[in-house]
Amino acid sequence: MAAIDLNSDLGESYGAWSMGDDAAMLSIVSSANVACGFHAGDPAGILKTVKAAVERGVVLGAHVSYPDRVGFGRRDMDVTSGELIADVIYQIGALQGIAAAAGSKVRYVKPHGALYNRIANDAKQGQAVIDGIKAIDPTLVLMGLAGAPILDLARKSGLAVVAEAFADRAYTPQGELVSRREAGAVLHDPQEIANRMLQLAREGTLTAIDGSTIKVDAQSICVHGDSPGAVAIAAALRQRFEAEGIAVRSFVSEA
């Protein structure tokens, strides 16, 4: 692989509460999944993050979520298709307005937290997310978990997709993310993570939590912006990739 995208979840601070170091991450990543207010983020903070991303040429993505600020979007919700379609349209529209004010535009959509995990295999909610995206801008790219059925469903519905892997998460032998409730689910050592992601970029494989080797076809790698040591992890990844001749750039042609 000659190039790979690095993305991070940003714009998640709310009022007096700070989440992550957006400025530092934006100097490292090539794509920014920006909160749209449903799980995190307030208008002023989102605008600040978007402006900083535009200044650095980082591509903007809408990080859409269930309406769950208290649970940070990590609680599953049994919403109707109509509600979910409207929620997706609303969130993308909000970020599109902020992006336009900053002289840029939204290029992709990445569902957040429980919604991301739910639609990976839930065709009903997955189709609702797809329908919401298509209703507001069918040129947007859907970012989803590598190997998950949602990617095929989106392709069949006419959306472009990009598959992602998670730098700081462990995988099951089935290629799914290990639940955060399980020991060893979140990885912390920057050099260990860099070694794993170099293996992914070069060979398209990862070592699962049981030691087995699994196939993972991903064009983008996520480092969670709210994880402890997130900036150090992202920096280690970029340094390792560039040292190995792998460029870090977005999966879309321009910012």
C-alpha atoms as a PDB file:
ATOM      1  CA  MET A   1       0.000   0.000   0.000  1.00  0.00           C
ATOM      2  CA  ALA A   2       1.548   3.296  -1.121  1.00  0.00           C
ATOM      3  CA  ALA A   3      -0.791   5.522   0.923  1.00  0.00           C
ATOM      4  CA  ILE A   4      -3.276   5.306   3.765  1.00  0.00           C
ATOM      5  CA  ASP A   5      -5.697   7.653   5.491  1.00  0.00           C
ATOM      6  CA  LEU A   6      -5.499   8.495   9.193  1.00  0.00           C
ATOM      7  CA  ASN A   7      -8.719   9.703  10.793  1.00  0.00           C
ATOM      8  CA  SER A   8      -9.722  10.812  14.276  1.00  0.00           C
ATOM      9  CA  ASP A   9     -12.923  11.733  16.117  1.00  0.00           C
ATOM     10  CA  LEU A  10     -12.769  15.467  16.835  1.00  0.00           C
ATOM     11  CA  GLY A  11     -14.943  18.420  17.834  1.00  0.00           C
ATOM     12  CA  GLU A  12     -16.197  16.549  20.896  1.00  0.00           C
ATOM     13  CA  SER A  13     -15.639  19.195  23.575  1.00  0.00           C
ATOM     14  CA  TYR A  14     -18.780  20.689  25.088  1.00  0.00           C
ATOM     15  CA  GLY A  15     -18.916  24.069  26.789  1.00  0.00           C
ATOM     16  CA  ALA A  16     -16.456  24.065  29.681  1.00  0.00           C
ATOM     17  CA  TRP A  17     -15.673  20.362  29.222  1.00  0.00           C
ATOM     18  CA  SER A  18     -12.691  19.583  26.998  1.00  0.00           C
ATOM     19  CA  MET A  19     -12.339  16.329  25.087  1.00  0.00           C
ATOM     20  CA  GLY A  20      -9.126  15.455  23.291  1.00  0.00           C
ATOM     21  CA  ASP A  21      -6.516  17.730  21.704  1.00  0.00           C
ATOM     22  CA  ASP A  22      -7.971  18.684  18.347  1.00  0.00           C
ATOM     23  CA  ALA A  23      -5.195  21.098  17.405  1.00  0.00           C
ATOM     24  CA  ALA A  24      -2.494  18.485  17.897  1.00  0.00           C
ATOM     25  CA  MET A  25      -4.434  15.737  16.121  1.00  0.00           C
ATOM     26  CA  LEU A  26      -5.145  17.971  13.142  1.00  0.00           C
ATOM     27  CA  SER A  27      -1.410  18.358  12.569  1.00  0.00           C
ATOM     28  CA  ILE A  28      -1.159  14.561  12.170  1.00  0.00           C
ATOM     29  CA  VAL A  29      -4.325  13.101  10.625  1.00  0.00           C
ATOM     30  CA  SER A  30      -5.612  13.459   7.068  1.00  0.00           C
ATOM     31  CA  SER A  31      -9.354  13.155   7.836  1.00  0.00           C
ATOM     32  CA  ALA A  32     -11.414  14.535  10.724  1.00  0.00           C
ATOM     33  CA  ASN A  33     -14.644  12.915  11.928  1.00  0.00           C
ATOM     34  CA  VAL A  34     -16.322  15.983  13.411  1.00  0.00           C
ATOM     35  CA  ALA A  35     -19.055  15.646  16.023  1.00  0.00           C
ATOM     36  CA  CYS A  36     -22.418  17.089  14.969  1.00  0.00           C
ATOM     37  CA  GLY A  37     -23.915  17.851  18.383  1.00  0.00           C
ATOM     38  CA  PHE A  38     -25.892  14.679  19.046  1.00  0.00           C
ATOM     39  CA  HIS A  39     -23.302  12.825  21.133  1.00  0.00           C
ATOM     40  CA  ALA A  40     -20.870  15.671  21.765  1.00  0.00           C
ATOM     41  CA  GLY A  41     -19.770  19.056  20.497  1.00  0.00           C
ATOM     42  CA  ASP A  42     -21.244  22.558  20.766  1.00  0.00           C
ATOM     43  CA  PRO A  43     -21.555  24.979  17.815  1.00  0.00           C
ATOM     44  CA  ALA A  44     -18.656  27.239  18.773  1.00  0.00           C
ATOM     45  CA  GLY A  45     -16.329  24.322  19.428  1.00  0.00           C
ATOM     46  CA  ILE A  46     -17.324  22.519  16.232  1.00  0.00           C
ATOM     47  CA  LEU A  47     -16.719  25.695  14.208  1.00  0.00           C
ATOM     48  CA  LYS A  48     -13.286  26.118  15.816  1.00  0.00           C
ATOM     49  CA  THR A  49     -12.326  22.537  14.975  1.00  0.00           C
ATOM     50  CA  VAL A  50     -13.633  22.821  11.410  1.00  0.00           C
ATOM     51  CA  LYS A  51     -11.716  26.048  10.800  1.00  0.00           C
ATOM     52  CA  ALA A  52      -8.526  24.452  12.132  1.00  0.00           C
ATOM     53  CA  ALA A  53      -9.051  21.419   9.906  1.00  0.00           C
ATOM     54  CA  VAL A  54      -9.550  23.594   6.840  1.00  0.00           C
ATOM     55  CA  GLU A  55      -6.390  25.566   7.608  1.00  0.00           C
ATOM     56  CA  ARG A  56      -4.409  22.312   7.677  1.00  0.00           C
ATOM     57  CA  GLY A  57      -6.026  20.782   4.589  1.00  0.00           C
ATOM     58  CA  VAL A  58      -7.664  18.001   6.587  1.00  0.00           C
ATOM     59  CA  VAL A  59     -10.761  16.456   4.976  1.00  0.00           C
ATOM     60  CA  LEU A  60     -14.032  16.874   6.884  1.00  0.00           C
ATOM     61  CA  GLY A  61     -16.430  14.061   7.765  1.00  0.00           C
ATOM     62  CA  ALA A  62     -19.736  14.175   9.673  1.00  0.00           C
ATOM     63  CA  HIS A  63     -19.575  12.028  12.811  1.00  0.00           C
ATOM     64  CA  VAL A  64     -23.282  11.283  13.180  1.00  0.00           C
ATOM     65  CA  SER A  65     -24.737   9.633  16.267  1.00  0.00           C
ATOM     66  CA  TYR A  66     -27.796   8.599  18.180  1.00  0.00           C
ATOM     67  CA  PRO A  67     -29.135  11.555  20.236  1.00  0.00           C
ATOM     68  CA  ASP A  68     -27.229  10.600  23.391  1.00  0.00           C
ATOM     69  CA  ARG A  69     -25.069  13.305  24.939  1.00  0.00           C
ATOM     70  CA  VAL A  70     -25.196  11.810  28.433  1.00  0.00           C
ATOM     71  CA  GLY A  71     -23.938   8.445  27.185  1.00  0.00           C
ATOM     72  CA  PHE A  72     -21.527   9.991  24.659  1.00  0.00           C
ATOM     73  CA  GLY A  73     -23.364   8.137  21.899  1.00  0.00           C
ATOM     74  CA  ARG A  74     -22.304   4.752  23.219  1.00  0.00           C
ATOM     75  CA  ARG A  75     -25.756   3.508  24.259  1.00  0.00           C
ATOM     76  CA  ASP A  76     -27.718   1.474  21.733  1.00  0.00           C
ATOM     77  CA  MET A  77     -31.110   2.857  20.694  1.00  0.00           C
ATOM     78  CA  ASP A  78     -34.048   1.135  19.032  1.00  0.00           C
ATOM     79  CA  VAL A  79     -35.133   4.074  16.875  1.00  0.00           C
ATOM     80  CA  THR A  80     -37.483   3.943  13.902  1.00  0.00           C
ATOM     81  CA  SER A  81     -36.151   4.243  10.374  1.00  0.00           C
ATOM     82  CA  GLY A  82     -37.936   7.557   9.931  1.00  0.00           C
ATOM     83  CA  GLU A  83     -36.361   9.013  13.057  1.00  0.00           C
ATOM     84  CA  LEU A  84     -32.892   7.814  12.109  1.00  0.00           C
ATOM     85  CA  ILE A  85     -33.123   9.149   8.566  1.00  0.00           C
ATOM     86  CA  ALA A  86     -34.147  12.564   9.914  1.00  0.00           C
ATOM     87  CA  ASP A  87     -31.421  12.511  12.583  1.00  0.00           C
ATOM     88  CA  VAL A  88     -28.752  11.761   9.973  1.00  0.00           C
ATOM     89  CA  ILE A  89     -29.994  14.505   7.640  1.00  0.00           C
ATOM     90  CA  TYR A  90     -30.130  16.995  10.512  1.00  0.00           C
ATOM     91  CA  GLN A  91     -26.596  16.294  11.692  1.00  0.00           C
ATOM     92  CA  ILE A  92     -24.990  16.310   8.258  1.00  0.00           C
ATOM     93  CA  GLY A  93     -26.829  19.537   7.439  1.00  0.00           C
ATOM     94  CA  ALA A  94     -25.531  21.212  10.580  1.00  0.00           C
ATOM     95  CA  LEU A  95     -21.932  20.321   9.768  1.00  0.00           C
ATOM     96  CA  GLN A  96     -22.381  21.283   6.123  1.00  0.00           C
ATOM     97  CA  GLY A  97     -23.418  24.766   7.232  1.00  0.00           C
ATOM     98  CA  ILE A  98     -20.403  25.152   9.510  1.00  0.00           C
ATOM     99  CA  ALA A  99     -18.075  23.759   6.834  1.00  0.00           C
ATOM    100  CA  ALA A 100     -19.449  26.213   4.256  1.00  0.00           C
ATOM    101  CA  ALA A 101     -18.867  29.099   6.672  1.00  0.00           C
ATOM    102  CA  ALA A 102     -15.248  27.929   6.983  1.00  0.00           C
ATOM    103  CA  GLY A 103     -14.805  27.746   3.203  1.00  0.00           C
ATOM    104  CA  SER A 104     -14.958  23.974   2.843  1.00  0.00           C
ATOM    105  CA  LYS A 105     -17.449  21.120   2.645  1.00  0.00           C
ATOM    106  CA  VAL A 106     -18.236  17.758   4.184  1.00  0.00           C
ATOM    107  CA  ARG A 107     -16.873  14.864   2.123  1.00  0.00           C
ATOM    108  CA  TYR A 108     -17.873  11.755   4.057  1.00  0.00           C
ATOM    109  CA  VAL A 109     -19.974  10.391   6.922  1.00  0.00           C
ATOM    110  CA  LYS A 110     -18.805   8.162   9.757  1.00  0.00           C
ATOM    111  CA  PRO A 111     -21.409   6.993  12.278  1.00  0.00           C
ATOM    112  CA  HIS A 112     -20.287   7.166  15.900  1.00  0.00           C
ATOM    113  CA  GLY A 113     -20.232   4.736  18.806  1.00  0.00           C
ATOM    114  CA  ALA A 114     -23.307   2.575  19.297  1.00  0.00           C
ATOM    115  CA  LEU A 115     -24.769   3.621  15.941  1.00  0.00           C
ATOM    116  CA  TYR A 116     -21.565   2.598  14.148  1.00  0.00           C
ATOM    117  CA  ASN A 117     -21.574  -0.782  15.866  1.00  0.00           C
ATOM    118  CA  ARG A 118     -25.311  -1.346  15.352  1.00  0.00           C
ATOM    119  CA  ILE A 119     -25.397  -0.641  11.626  1.00  0.00           C
ATOM    120  CA  ALA A 120     -22.323  -2.756  10.948  1.00  0.00           C
ATOM    121  CA  ASN A 121     -24.676  -5.759  10.969  1.00  0.00           C
ATOM    122  CA  ASP A 122     -28.201  -4.321  11.333  1.00  0.00           C
ATOM    123  CA  ALA A 123     -29.537  -3.873   7.806  1.00  0.00           C
ATOM    124  CA  LYS A 124     -32.642  -1.947   8.877  1.00  0.00           C
ATOM    125  CA  GLN A 125     -30.827   0.809  10.736  1.00  0.00           C
ATOM    126  CA  GLY A 126     -27.987   0.644   8.234  1.00  0.00           C
ATOM    127  CA  GLN A 127     -30.372   1.321   5.363  1.00  0.00           C
ATOM    128  CA  ALA A 128     -31.858   4.246   7.274  1.00  0.00           C
ATOM    129  CA  VAL A 129     -28.410   5.810   7.665  1.00  0.00           C
ATOM    130  CA  ILE A 130     -27.725   5.224   3.973  1.00  0.00           C
ATOM    131  CA  ASP A 131     -31.090   6.736   3.001  1.00  0.00           C
ATOM    132  CA  GLY A 132     -30.396   9.780   5.167  1.00  0.00           C
ATOM    133  CA  ILE A 133     -27.025  10.323   3.511  1.00  0.00           C
ATOM    134  CA  LYS A 134     -28.450   9.900   0.015  1.00  0.00           C
ATOM    135  CA  ALA A 135     -31.297  12.312   0.777  1.00  0.00           C
ATOM    136  CA  ILE A 136     -28.974  15.185   1.643  1.00  0.00           C
ATOM    137  CA  ASP A 137     -25.925  14.449  -0.562  1.00  0.00           C
ATOM    138  CA  PRO A 138     -25.472  11.177  -2.470  1.00  0.00           C
ATOM    139  CA  THR A 139     -21.846  12.084  -3.271  1.00  0.00           C
ATOM    140  CA  LEU A 140     -20.849  11.635   0.375  1.00  0.00           C
ATOM    141  CA  VAL A 141     -18.704   8.600   1.200  1.00  0.00           C
ATOM    142  CA  LEU A 142     -19.793   6.263   4.000  1.00  0.00           C
ATOM    143  CA  MET A 143     -17.003   5.150   6.330  1.00  0.00           C
ATOM    144  CA  GLY A 144     -17.591   1.814   8.045  1.00  0.00           C
ATOM    145  CA  LEU A 145     -15.945  -1.137   9.714  1.00  0.00           C
ATOM    146  CA  ALA A 146     -13.773  -3.177   7.365  1.00  0.00           C
ATOM    147  CA  GLY A 147     -15.466  -6.442   6.457  1.00  0.00           C
ATOM    148  CA  ALA A 148     -18.883  -5.461   7.829  1.00  0.00           C
ATOM    149  CA  PRO A 149     -22.092  -6.047   5.802  1.00  0.00           C
ATOM    150  CA  ILE A 150     -22.932  -2.315   5.942  1.00  0.00           C
ATOM    151  CA  LEU A 151     -20.288  -1.624   3.300  1.00  0.00           C
ATOM    152  CA  ASP A 152     -21.867  -3.974   0.761  1.00  0.00           C
ATOM    153  CA  LEU A 153     -25.330  -2.626   1.590  1.00  0.00           C
ATOM    154  CA  ALA A 154     -24.139   0.940   0.972  1.00  0.00           C
ATOM    155  CA  ARG A 155     -22.478  -0.006  -2.330  1.00  0.00           C
ATOM    156  CA  LYS A 156     -25.652  -1.708  -3.511  1.00  0.00           C
ATOM    157  CA  SER A 157     -27.557   1.454  -2.591  1.00  0.00           C
ATOM    158  CA  GLY A 158     -25.244   3.588  -4.709  1.00  0.00           C
ATOM    159  CA  LEU A 159     -22.950   5.117  -2.088  1.00  0.00           C
ATOM    160  CA  ALA A 160     -19.185   5.129  -2.275  1.00  0.00           C
ATOM    161  CA  VAL A 161     -17.600   3.571   0.815  1.00  0.00           C
ATOM    162  CA  VAL A 162     -14.284   3.470   2.635  1.00  0.00           C
ATOM    163  CA  ALA A 163     -13.378   0.659   5.036  1.00  0.00           C
ATOM    164  CA  GLU A 164     -11.568   1.498   8.249  1.00  0.00           C
ATOM    165  CA  ALA A 165      -9.586  -0.272  10.921  1.00  0.00           C
ATOM    166  CA  PHE A 166      -9.023   0.893  14.491  1.00  0.00           C
ATOM    167  CA  ALA A 167      -5.448   1.456  15.588  1.00  0.00           C
ATOM    168  CA  ASP A 168      -6.151   1.420  19.310  1.00  0.00           C
ATOM    169  CA  ARG A 169      -8.631  -1.465  19.465  1.00  0.00           C
ATOM    170  CA  ALA A 170      -8.193  -5.232  19.686  1.00  0.00           C
ATOM    171  CA  TYR A 171      -9.973  -7.525  17.221  1.00  0.00           C
ATOM    172  CA  THR A 172     -11.759 -10.848  17.653  1.00  0.00           C
ATOM    173  CA  PRO A 173     -10.840 -13.832  15.430  1.00  0.00           C
ATOM    174  CA  GLN A 174     -14.018 -13.016  13.469  1.00  0.00           C
ATOM    175  CA  GLY A 175     -12.706  -9.568  12.558  1.00  0.00           C
ATOM    176  CA  GLU A 176     -14.967  -7.662  14.931  1.00  0.00           C
ATOM    177  CA  LEU A 177     -13.886  -5.181  17.600  1.00  0.00           C
ATOM    178  CA  VAL A 178     -13.401  -6.626  21.074  1.00  0.00           C
ATOM    179  CA  SER A 179     -16.004  -5.088  23.392  1.00  0.00           C
ATOM    180  CA  ARG A 180     -14.715  -2.233  25.519  1.00  0.00           C
ATOM    181  CA  ARG A 181     -16.032  -4.200  28.504  1.00  0.00           C
ATOM    182  CA  GLU A 182     -13.429  -6.911  27.884  1.00  0.00           C
ATOM    183  CA  ALA A 183      -9.843  -6.842  29.155  1.00  0.00           C
ATOM    184  CA  GLY A 184      -7.351  -5.863  26.478  1.00  0.00           C
ATOM    185  CA  ALA A 185      -9.978  -4.246  24.234  1.00  0.00           C
ATOM    186  CA  VAL A 186      -8.168  -0.901  24.070  1.00  0.00           C
ATOM    187  CA  LEU A 187      -4.481  -0.726  23.161  1.00  0.00           C
ATOM    188  CA  HIS A 188      -2.171   1.942  24.550  1.00  0.00           C
ATOM    189  CA  ASP A 189       1.452   1.355  23.512  1.00  0.00           C
ATOM    190  CA  PRO A 190       2.278   3.621  20.544  1.00  0.00           C
ATOM    191  CA  GLN A 191       5.039   1.415  19.141  1.00  0.00           C
ATOM    192  CA  GLU A 192       3.003  -1.780  19.425  1.00  0.00           C
ATOM    193  CA  ILE A 193       0.133  -0.026  17.664  1.00  0.00           C
ATOM    194  CA  ALA A 194       2.462   1.318  14.964  1.00  0.00           C
ATOM    195  CA  ASN A 195       3.772  -2.207  14.335  1.00  0.00           C
ATOM    196  CA  ARG A 196       0.217  -3.545  14.022  1.00  0.00           C
ATOM    197  CA  MET A 197      -0.869  -0.829  11.611  1.00  0.00           C
ATOM    198  CA  LEU A 198       2.253  -1.227   9.479  1.00  0.00           C
ATOM    199  CA  GLN A 199       1.346  -4.920   9.175  1.00  0.00           C
ATOM    200  CA  LEU A 200      -2.162  -3.864   8.146  1.00  0.00           C
ATOM    201  CA  ALA A 201      -0.909  -1.417   5.522  1.00  0.00           C
ATOM    202  CA  ARG A 202       1.642  -3.844   4.071  1.00  0.00           C
ATOM    203  CA  GLU A 203      -0.103  -7.196   4.331  1.00  0.00           C
ATOM    204  CA  GLY A 204      -3.792  -6.460   4.923  1.00  0.00           C
ATOM    205  CA  THR A 205      -3.757  -8.526   8.116  1.00  0.00           C
ATOM    206  CA  LEU A 206      -3.905  -8.048  11.875  1.00  0.00           C
ATOM    207  CA  THR A 207      -3.206 -10.243  14.879  1.00  0.00           C
ATOM    208  CA  ALA A 208      -6.467 -10.970  16.730  1.00  0.00           C
ATOM    209  CA  ILE A 209      -6.720 -11.013  20.512  1.00  0.00           C
ATOM    210  CA  ASP A 210      -6.260 -14.816  20.551  1.00  0.00           C
ATOM    211  CA  GLY A 211      -3.050 -14.604  18.518  1.00  0.00           C
ATOM    212  CA  SER A 212      -4.569 -15.712  15.213  1.00  0.00           C
ATOM    213  CA  THR A 213      -4.041 -13.752  11.994  1.00  0.00           C
ATOM    214  CA  ILE A 214      -7.086 -12.186  10.372  1.00  0.00           C
ATOM    215  CA  LYS A 215      -7.601 -10.474   7.025  1.00  0.00           C
ATOM    216  CA  VAL A 216      -8.538  -6.779   7.254  1.00  0.00           C
ATOM    217  CA  ASP A 217      -8.993  -4.773   4.057  1.00  0.00           C
ATOM    218  CA  ALA A 218      -8.977  -1.134   5.180  1.00  0.00           C
ATOM    219  CA  GLN A 219      -8.137   2.148   3.478  1.00  0.00           C
ATOM    220  CA  SER A 220      -8.382   4.298   6.604  1.00  0.00           C
ATOM    221  CA  ILE A 221      -7.114   3.933  10.167  1.00  0.00           C
ATOM    222  CA  CYS A 222      -8.834   5.553  13.151  1.00  0.00           C
ATOM    223  CA  VAL A 223      -7.176   6.799  16.312  1.00  0.00           C
ATOM    224  CA  HIS A 224      -9.839   7.753  18.862  1.00  0.00           C
ATOM    225  CA  GLY A 225      -9.295  11.374  19.814  1.00  0.00           C
ATOM    226  CA  ASP A 226     -10.588  10.847  23.374  1.00  0.00           C
ATOM    227  CA  SER A 227      -8.259   7.930  24.168  1.00  0.00           C
ATOM    228  CA  PRO A 228      -5.401   8.505  26.638  1.00  0.00           C
ATOM    229  CA  GLY A 229      -2.214   9.116  24.659  1.00  0.00           C
ATOM    230  CA  ALA A 230      -4.145   9.571  21.396  1.00  0.00           C
ATOM    231  CA  VAL A 231      -1.780  12.205  20.027  1.00  0.00           C
ATOM    232  CA  ALA A 232       1.295  10.095  20.782  1.00  0.00           C
ATOM    233  CA  ILE A 233      -0.328   7.103  19.063  1.00  0.00           C
ATOM    234  CA  ALA A 234      -1.268   9.100  15.970  1.00  0.00           C
ATOM    235  CA  ALA A 235       2.197  10.645  15.788  1.00  0.00           C
ATOM    236  CA  ALA A 236       3.867   7.240  16.077  1.00  0.00           C
ATOM    237  CA  LEU A 237       1.692   5.918  13.265  1.00  0.00           C
ATOM    238  CA  ARG A 238       2.471   8.795  10.939  1.00  0.00           C
ATOM    239  CA  GLN A 239       6.182   8.627  11.670  1.00  0.00           C
ATOM    240  CA  ARG A 240       6.285   4.877  11.073  1.00  0.00           C
ATOM    241  CA  PHE A 241       4.333   5.085   7.828  1.00  0.00           C
ATOM    242  CA  GLU A 242       6.455   7.887   6.427  1.00  0.00           C
ATOM    243  CA  ALA A 243       9.666   6.103   7.434  1.00  0.00           C
ATOM    244  CA  GLU A 244       8.443   3.056   5.534  1.00  0.00           C
ATOM    245  CA  GLY A 245       7.521   5.043   2.417  1.00  0.00           C
ATOM    246  CA  ILE A 246       3.750   4.955   3.006  1.00  0.00           C
ATOM    247  CA  ALA A 247       2.135   8.361   2.468  1.00  0.00           C
ATOM    248  CA  VAL A 248      -0.573   9.582   4.831  1.00  0.00           C
ATOM    249  CA  ARG A 249      -3.371  11.170   2.805  1.00  0.00           C
ATOM    250  CA  SER A 250      -7.146  11.191   2.636  1.00  0.00           C
ATOM    251  CA  PHE A 251      -9.149   8.713   0.599  1.00  0.00           C
ATOM    252  CA  VAL A 252     -10.786  11.634  -1.243  1.00  0.00           C
ATOM    253  CA  SER A 253      -8.894  13.630  -3.832  1.00  0.00           C
ATOM    254  CA  GLU A 254      -9.092  17.049  -2.207  1.00  0.00           C
ATOM    255  CA  ALA A 255     -10.002  18.706   1.092  1.00  0.00           C
END
